Amino acid sequence: MRIPRLVVVACAALTSALLATSAFAAGQDVTVVVKLGGIPWFNAMEKGTQKAGKELNVDAAMFGPTQPDPAQQVRAVEDLIAKKVKVIAVVPNDAKALEPVFERAKAAGIPVVTHESPDQQGNTWDLELTDAKSYGEVHMKKLAELMNGEGEYIVYVGGLTVPLHNAWADAAIAYQKEHFPKMQLVADRYGVAESVDESYKTAVDAMLAHPNLKGILTFGSQGPIGAGRAIKEKNKVGKVFLVGGFSPKQGKKLLEEGVIAEGYIWNPMEAGVAIVNVAKLLIDGKPITDGMEIPGMGKVSVDTEKRVIRANKIQAINKETVTELAALGL
């Protein structure tokens, strides 16, 4: 019997990234290429991937660069095509940059599964554990409540080329304009929320540039951590309100201190479980149909035209839920 393996690789540079991926076994069942290695969100996804791999006897691996660099993802996928893995899964940093290499995977007969990229071209299926419109709106509703429906705010996304983060931001801003016209977005969105350091620096700079800033809305798991540290350091707790999804274990203290007001996530462990289960269906040649049950997602809706498999698994992170969520390893 084959023993499932899961390898998490973090690389210091592109060259070492390629050396690392070259260690993957030829003909591996599924490799998941994530946005960034070593952060709590994708560490939790690793656990779900590992769990599903063991249950299904699927040889699974995960690769994550040390920077959210689209070029490293492209080179990793190229290497995996050469290794003839059976399924490639990607959480894209730049959907457009990946299109050509996804076409090469398709030409090689390798299905590509994406996550957090519902308008992706060149993939076989995309998995979504939330609805983009609802996810963006629920964050804005909370921020507006804290700001009493008026005042200046800014928005972070993980990257300006990350499709889903920008779809969430679009939905949130549109909801604000329609329902809270006295709120004002005072800057273009910042593509910093996959970096604690950049999120911190951006918050410090924004609070200096906009002395009346009342809110920071962030999409990207490191955004609330970096911005929260800036708010705390500058004694702005209760004056600048911070809302955004984060890894509960990482942000628990900031939330309990009132620095982070609230956030919403889906469980990345469940996303890892779902990715491997969909990969197994593809390996086995089994159909994916509307209303079917997929572990990690539950009952799903399937859009065959857009190639999206969707569930709605939004989970609030607040003072009532954070301890339980952190105990799960999230």
Protein backbone atom coordinates (compact mmCIF):
# COMPACT_ATOMS: atom_id res chain seq x y z
CA MET A 1 0.00 0.00 0.00
CA ARG A 2 1.25 3.41 -0.91
CA ILE A 3 1.86 5.76 2.05
CA PRO A 4 0.56 9.29 1.39
CA ARG A 5 3.10 12.07 1.67
CA LEU A 6 2.70 15.78 2.05
CA VAL A 7 5.69 18.00 1.51
CA VAL A 8 5.56 21.68 2.35
CA VAL A 9 8.34 23.59 0.67
CA ALA A 10 9.25 27.21 1.34
CA CYS A 11 11.91 28.66 -0.90
CA ALA A 12 14.22 31.58 -0.34
CA ALA A 13 14.49 32.46 -4.03
CA LEU A 14 13.34 31.30 -7.42
CA THR A 15 16.35 29.05 -7.94
CA SER A 16 15.87 27.28 -4.62
CA ALA A 17 12.16 27.03 -5.39
CA LEU A 18 12.90 25.08 -8.52
CA LEU A 19 15.36 22.85 -6.70
CA ALA A 20 12.72 22.19 -4.07
CA THR A 21 9.99 21.27 -6.54
CA SER A 22 12.41 19.01 -8.36
CA ALA A 23 12.35 16.83 -5.23
CA PHE A 24 8.67 15.98 -5.86
CA ALA A 25 8.15 12.48 -7.14
CA ALA A 26 7.39 12.02 -10.82
CA GLY A 27 3.80 10.94 -11.37
CA GLN A 28 2.66 12.33 -8.02
CA ASP A 29 -1.13 12.42 -7.58
CA VAL A 30 -1.66 16.08 -6.67
CA THR A 31 0.52 19.06 -5.78
CA VAL A 32 -1.04 22.23 -4.37
CA VAL A 33 0.81 25.45 -5.24
CA VAL A 34 -0.27 28.09 -2.71
CA LYS A 35 0.29 31.84 -2.61
CA LEU A 36 2.80 31.91 0.21
CA GLY A 37 4.52 29.25 2.29
CA GLY A 38 4.86 29.20 6.06
CA ILE A 39 1.93 31.42 7.07
CA PRO A 40 -0.84 30.12 9.37
CA TRP A 41 -3.55 30.15 6.71
CA PHE A 42 -1.71 27.80 4.37
CA ASN A 43 -0.30 25.76 7.26
CA ALA A 44 -3.93 25.02 8.14
CA MET A 45 -4.66 24.15 4.51
CA GLU A 46 -1.71 21.75 4.67
CA LYS A 47 -3.37 19.90 7.55
CA GLY A 48 -6.56 19.47 5.55
CA THR A 49 -4.62 18.32 2.51
CA GLN A 50 -2.70 15.83 4.61
CA LYS A 51 -5.88 14.52 6.25
CA ALA A 52 -7.62 13.95 2.91
CA GLY A 53 -4.49 12.42 1.38
CA LYS A 54 -4.33 9.80 4.14
CA GLU A 55 -8.04 9.03 3.94
CA LEU A 56 -8.04 8.64 0.16
CA ASN A 57 -4.56 7.10 -0.20
CA VAL A 58 -3.62 10.03 -2.43
CA ASP A 59 0.02 11.05 -2.78
CA ALA A 60 -0.23 14.79 -2.09
CA ALA A 61 2.28 17.64 -1.76
CA MET A 62 2.18 21.37 -1.17
CA PHE A 63 4.52 24.08 -2.44
CA GLY A 64 4.60 27.67 -1.17
CA PRO A 65 7.17 30.36 -2.04
CA THR A 66 8.46 32.79 0.58
CA GLN A 67 7.07 35.75 -1.39
CA PRO A 68 3.63 36.00 -3.07
CA ASP A 69 5.36 36.02 -6.46
CA PRO A 70 3.37 35.03 -9.60
CA ALA A 71 6.58 34.12 -11.45
CA GLN A 72 7.46 31.51 -8.84
CA GLN A 73 4.00 29.97 -9.15
CA VAL A 74 4.36 29.80 -12.94
CA ARG A 75 7.77 28.13 -12.70
CA ALA A 76 6.47 25.68 -10.09
CA VAL A 77 3.59 24.65 -12.37
CA GLU A 78 6.01 24.24 -15.29
CA ASP A 79 8.15 21.95 -13.15
CA LEU A 80 5.11 19.92 -12.08
CA ILE A 81 4.06 19.47 -15.71
CA ALA A 82 7.54 18.08 -16.43
CA LYS A 83 7.13 15.73 -13.44
CA LYS A 84 3.82 14.51 -14.93
CA VAL A 85 1.82 14.89 -11.74
CA LYS A 86 -1.76 13.71 -12.14
CA VAL A 87 -3.48 16.90 -10.90
CA ILE A 88 -2.08 20.39 -10.26
CA ALA A 89 -3.90 22.67 -7.80
CA VAL A 90 -3.12 26.38 -7.45
CA VAL A 91 -4.22 29.26 -5.21
CA PRO A 92 -3.25 32.00 -7.69
CA ASN A 93 -1.41 35.22 -6.96
CA ASP A 94 -2.05 36.39 -10.52
CA ALA A 95 -4.77 34.63 -12.49
CA LYS A 96 -3.74 36.13 -15.83
CA ALA A 97 -0.06 35.21 -15.45
CA LEU A 98 -0.99 31.57 -14.96
CA GLU A 99 -3.19 31.22 -18.05
CA PRO A 100 -0.42 30.18 -20.49
CA VAL A 101 1.07 27.57 -18.17
CA PHE A 102 -2.40 26.19 -17.39
CA GLU A 103 -2.90 25.73 -21.14
CA ARG A 104 0.37 23.80 -21.23
CA ALA A 105 -0.87 21.58 -18.41
CA LYS A 106 -4.10 20.96 -20.32
CA ALA A 107 -2.11 20.05 -23.45
CA ALA A 108 -0.17 17.56 -21.32
CA GLY A 109 -3.42 16.02 -20.11
CA ILE A 110 -3.06 17.32 -16.54
CA PRO A 111 -6.21 18.77 -14.92
CA VAL A 112 -5.78 22.06 -13.05
CA VAL A 113 -7.85 22.87 -9.96
CA THR A 114 -7.80 26.44 -8.64
CA HIS A 115 -9.05 27.95 -5.39
CA GLU A 116 -9.91 31.63 -4.76
CA SER A 117 -9.98 32.33 -8.50
CA PRO A 118 -13.60 32.05 -9.75
CA ASP A 119 -13.01 33.77 -13.12
CA GLN A 120 -9.82 31.83 -13.88
CA GLN A 121 -9.14 30.89 -17.48
CA GLY A 122 -7.37 27.68 -18.49
CA ASN A 123 -8.28 25.67 -15.39
CA THR A 124 -10.46 22.57 -15.16
CA TRP A 125 -12.36 23.53 -11.99
CA ASP A 126 -12.25 26.29 -9.39
CA LEU A 127 -13.32 25.66 -5.79
CA GLU A 128 -14.97 28.41 -3.73
CA LEU A 129 -16.05 28.11 -0.11
CA THR A 130 -17.81 31.49 -0.16
CA ASP A 131 -19.86 33.70 -2.44
CA ALA A 132 -17.73 36.75 -3.34
CA LYS A 133 -20.57 39.27 -3.12
CA SER A 134 -21.81 38.08 0.26
CA TYR A 135 -18.29 37.83 1.64
CA GLY A 136 -17.39 41.40 0.69
CA GLU A 137 -20.70 42.78 1.91
CA VAL A 138 -20.61 41.13 5.34
CA HIS A 139 -17.24 42.76 6.03
CA MET A 140 -18.51 46.19 4.95
CA LYS A 141 -21.65 45.87 7.07
CA LYS A 142 -19.50 45.31 10.14
CA LEU A 143 -17.12 48.17 9.34
CA ALA A 144 -20.03 50.54 8.70
CA GLU A 145 -21.60 49.54 12.01
CA LEU A 146 -18.39 50.38 13.86
CA MET A 147 -17.98 53.68 12.00
CA ASN A 148 -21.62 54.66 12.52
CA GLY A 149 -22.02 54.82 8.77
CA GLU A 150 -19.70 57.76 8.17
CA GLY A 151 -16.05 58.73 7.90
CA GLU A 152 -12.88 57.85 6.01
CA TYR A 153 -11.62 54.33 5.38
CA ILE A 154 -9.08 52.40 3.30
CA VAL A 155 -9.05 48.89 1.80
CA TYR A 156 -6.31 46.26 1.61
CA VAL A 157 -6.21 43.23 -0.70
CA GLY A 158 -3.60 40.50 -0.84
CA GLY A 159 -2.45 41.72 -4.23
CA LEU A 160 -3.80 43.90 -7.01
CA THR A 161 -3.71 40.87 -9.32
CA VAL A 162 -5.52 38.47 -6.94
CA PRO A 163 -8.97 38.15 -8.56
CA LEU A 164 -11.02 37.02 -5.59
CA HIS A 165 -9.62 39.53 -3.11
CA ASN A 166 -10.46 42.30 -5.56
CA ALA A 167 -13.94 40.87 -6.15
CA TRP A 168 -14.51 41.00 -2.38
CA ALA A 169 -13.26 44.58 -2.28
CA ASP A 170 -15.47 45.53 -5.24
CA ALA A 171 -18.53 44.07 -3.50
CA ALA A 172 -17.70 45.80 -0.20
CA ILE A 173 -17.13 49.21 -1.80
CA ALA A 174 -20.27 48.93 -3.93
CA TYR A 175 -22.29 48.10 -0.81
CA GLN A 176 -20.81 51.10 1.01
CA LYS A 177 -21.64 53.48 -1.82
CA GLU A 178 -25.23 52.27 -1.99
CA HIS A 179 -26.00 52.00 1.72
CA PHE A 180 -23.52 54.27 3.53
CA PRO A 181 -22.92 57.34 1.34
CA LYS A 182 -21.37 59.27 4.23
CA MET A 183 -18.44 56.86 4.32
CA GLN A 184 -15.51 57.82 2.09
CA LEU A 185 -12.82 55.61 0.54
CA VAL A 186 -9.81 57.93 0.69
CA ALA A 187 -7.24 55.98 -1.35
CA ASP A 188 -6.95 53.33 -4.01
CA ARG A 189 -6.87 49.85 -2.51
CA TYR A 190 -3.48 48.65 -1.28
CA GLY A 191 -2.12 45.26 -2.43
CA VAL A 192 -0.28 44.51 0.82
CA ALA A 193 -2.42 42.09 2.84
CA GLU A 194 -0.26 39.00 2.36
CA SER A 195 2.61 40.73 4.20
CA VAL A 196 2.59 41.68 7.89
CA ASP A 197 5.38 44.22 7.36
CA GLU A 198 3.77 45.92 4.35
CA SER A 199 0.37 45.96 6.06
CA TYR A 200 1.93 47.57 9.12
CA LYS A 201 3.83 50.19 7.11
CA THR A 202 0.81 51.03 4.97
CA ALA A 203 -1.39 51.53 8.04
CA VAL A 204 1.18 53.82 9.66
CA ASP A 205 1.50 55.87 6.46
CA ALA A 206 -2.28 56.02 5.94
CA MET A 207 -2.93 57.22 9.48
CA LEU A 208 -0.37 60.00 8.95
CA ALA A 209 -1.74 60.97 5.53
CA HIS A 210 -5.36 60.85 6.70
CA PRO A 211 -5.61 62.08 10.32
CA ASN A 212 -9.40 61.49 10.28
CA LEU A 213 -9.11 57.87 9.16
CA LYS A 214 -11.73 55.74 10.95
CA GLY A 215 -11.59 52.36 9.25
CA ILE A 216 -9.37 49.75 7.63
CA LEU A 217 -11.02 46.93 5.70
CA THR A 218 -8.64 44.15 4.74
CA PHE A 219 -8.88 41.07 2.53
CA GLY A 220 -5.79 38.86 2.98
CA SER A 221 -4.85 36.99 6.15
CA GLN A 222 -1.80 39.07 7.09
CA GLY A 223 -3.55 42.42 6.67
CA PRO A 224 -5.29 42.51 10.07
CA ILE A 225 -2.09 41.43 11.82
CA GLY A 226 0.13 44.15 10.36
CA ALA A 227 -2.51 46.89 10.44
CA GLY A 228 -3.50 45.84 13.95
CA ARG A 229 0.04 46.24 15.21
CA ALA A 230 0.15 49.74 13.72
CA ILE A 231 -3.17 50.73 15.30
CA LYS A 232 -2.04 49.43 18.68
CA GLU A 233 1.39 51.08 18.46
CA LYS A 234 -0.09 54.47 17.49
CA ASN A 235 -2.74 54.31 20.27
CA LYS A 236 -5.59 54.29 17.76
CA VAL A 237 -7.57 51.41 19.28
CA GLY A 238 -11.23 52.44 19.31
CA LYS A 239 -10.46 55.31 16.92
CA VAL A 240 -9.46 53.36 13.80
CA PHE A 241 -11.66 50.27 13.37
CA LEU A 242 -10.16 47.19 11.73
CA VAL A 243 -12.22 44.47 10.04
CA GLY A 244 -10.88 41.57 7.97
CA GLY A 245 -10.31 37.83 7.83
CA PHE A 246 -7.25 36.36 9.49
CA SER A 247 -5.95 33.13 10.97
CA PRO A 248 -7.61 32.97 14.42
CA LYS A 249 -4.57 31.60 16.21
CA GLN A 250 -2.35 34.33 14.78
CA GLY A 251 -4.72 37.22 15.51
CA LYS A 252 -6.36 36.01 18.72
CA LYS A 253 -4.54 38.42 21.06
CA LEU A 254 -5.18 41.45 18.85
CA LEU A 255 -8.87 40.57 18.67
CA GLU A 256 -9.17 40.02 22.42
CA GLU A 257 -7.49 43.40 22.98
CA GLY A 258 -10.09 45.06 20.75
CA VAL A 259 -7.53 46.00 18.09
CA ILE A 260 -9.18 43.80 15.45
CA ALA A 261 -12.96 44.22 15.66
CA GLU A 262 -14.08 41.17 13.69
CA GLY A 263 -13.36 39.15 10.60
CA TYR A 264 -14.87 36.43 8.47
CA ILE A 265 -13.18 33.39 6.98
CA TRP A 266 -13.80 29.95 5.68
CA ASN A 267 -11.85 27.09 7.14
CA PRO A 268 -8.63 26.60 5.11
CA MET A 269 -8.36 23.06 6.50
CA GLU A 270 -11.66 22.29 4.79
CA ALA A 271 -10.38 23.90 1.59
CA GLY A 272 -7.40 21.53 1.65
CA VAL A 273 -9.71 18.55 2.17
CA ALA A 274 -11.91 19.69 -0.72
CA ILE A 275 -9.01 20.20 -3.13
CA VAL A 276 -7.71 16.66 -2.60
CA ASN A 277 -11.20 15.15 -2.87
CA VAL A 278 -11.85 16.95 -6.17
CA ALA A 279 -8.41 15.85 -7.42
CA LYS A 280 -9.32 12.24 -6.57
CA LEU A 281 -12.57 12.54 -8.54
CA LEU A 282 -10.60 13.81 -11.53
CA ILE A 283 -7.98 11.06 -11.23
CA ASP A 284 -10.73 8.45 -11.10
CA GLY A 285 -12.65 10.00 -14.00
CA LYS A 286 -15.79 10.50 -11.92
CA PRO A 287 -18.32 13.25 -12.75
CA ILE A 288 -18.74 16.40 -10.68
CA THR A 289 -22.42 17.29 -10.53
CA ASP A 290 -24.66 19.97 -9.03
CA GLY A 291 -25.89 19.09 -5.54
CA MET A 292 -23.27 16.42 -4.84
CA GLU A 293 -21.53 16.19 -1.46
CA ILE A 294 -17.80 16.95 -1.42
CA PRO A 295 -15.89 16.50 1.85
CA GLY A 296 -14.70 19.87 3.10
CA MET A 297 -17.51 21.66 1.28
CA GLY A 298 -20.69 19.70 1.92
CA LYS A 299 -23.42 20.03 -0.69
CA VAL A 300 -22.15 22.10 -3.60
CA SER A 301 -23.53 24.08 -6.49
CA VAL A 302 -21.75 23.43 -9.77
CA ASP A 303 -21.53 25.96 -12.59
CA THR A 304 -20.30 23.92 -15.56
CA GLU A 305 -20.06 26.96 -17.85
CA LYS A 306 -17.76 28.89 -15.48
CA ARG A 307 -16.23 25.66 -14.11
CA VAL A 308 -16.86 26.71 -10.49
CA ILE A 309 -17.72 24.39 -7.61
CA ARG A 310 -19.16 26.48 -4.77
CA ALA A 311 -20.29 26.19 -1.17
CA ASN A 312 -21.04 28.91 1.37
CA LYS A 313 -18.98 28.31 4.52
CA ILE A 314 -18.54 31.82 5.98
CA GLN A 315 -17.46 31.78 9.64
CA ALA A 316 -17.28 34.88 11.86
CA ILE A 317 -14.14 35.43 13.94
CA ASN A 318 -14.98 37.42 17.03
CA LYS A 319 -14.47 37.24 20.78
CA GLU A 320 -17.10 34.52 21.07
CA THR A 321 -15.62 32.22 18.39
CA VAL A 322 -11.86 32.91 18.24
CA THR A 323 -10.78 30.54 21.04
CA GLU A 324 -12.63 27.60 19.54
CA LEU A 325 -11.35 28.35 16.04
CA ALA A 326 -7.76 28.78 17.26
CA ALA A 327 -8.00 25.44 19.10
CA LEU A 328 -8.68 23.80 15.74
CA GLY A 329 -5.24 24.98 14.64
CA LEU A 330 -6.55 27.73 12.34
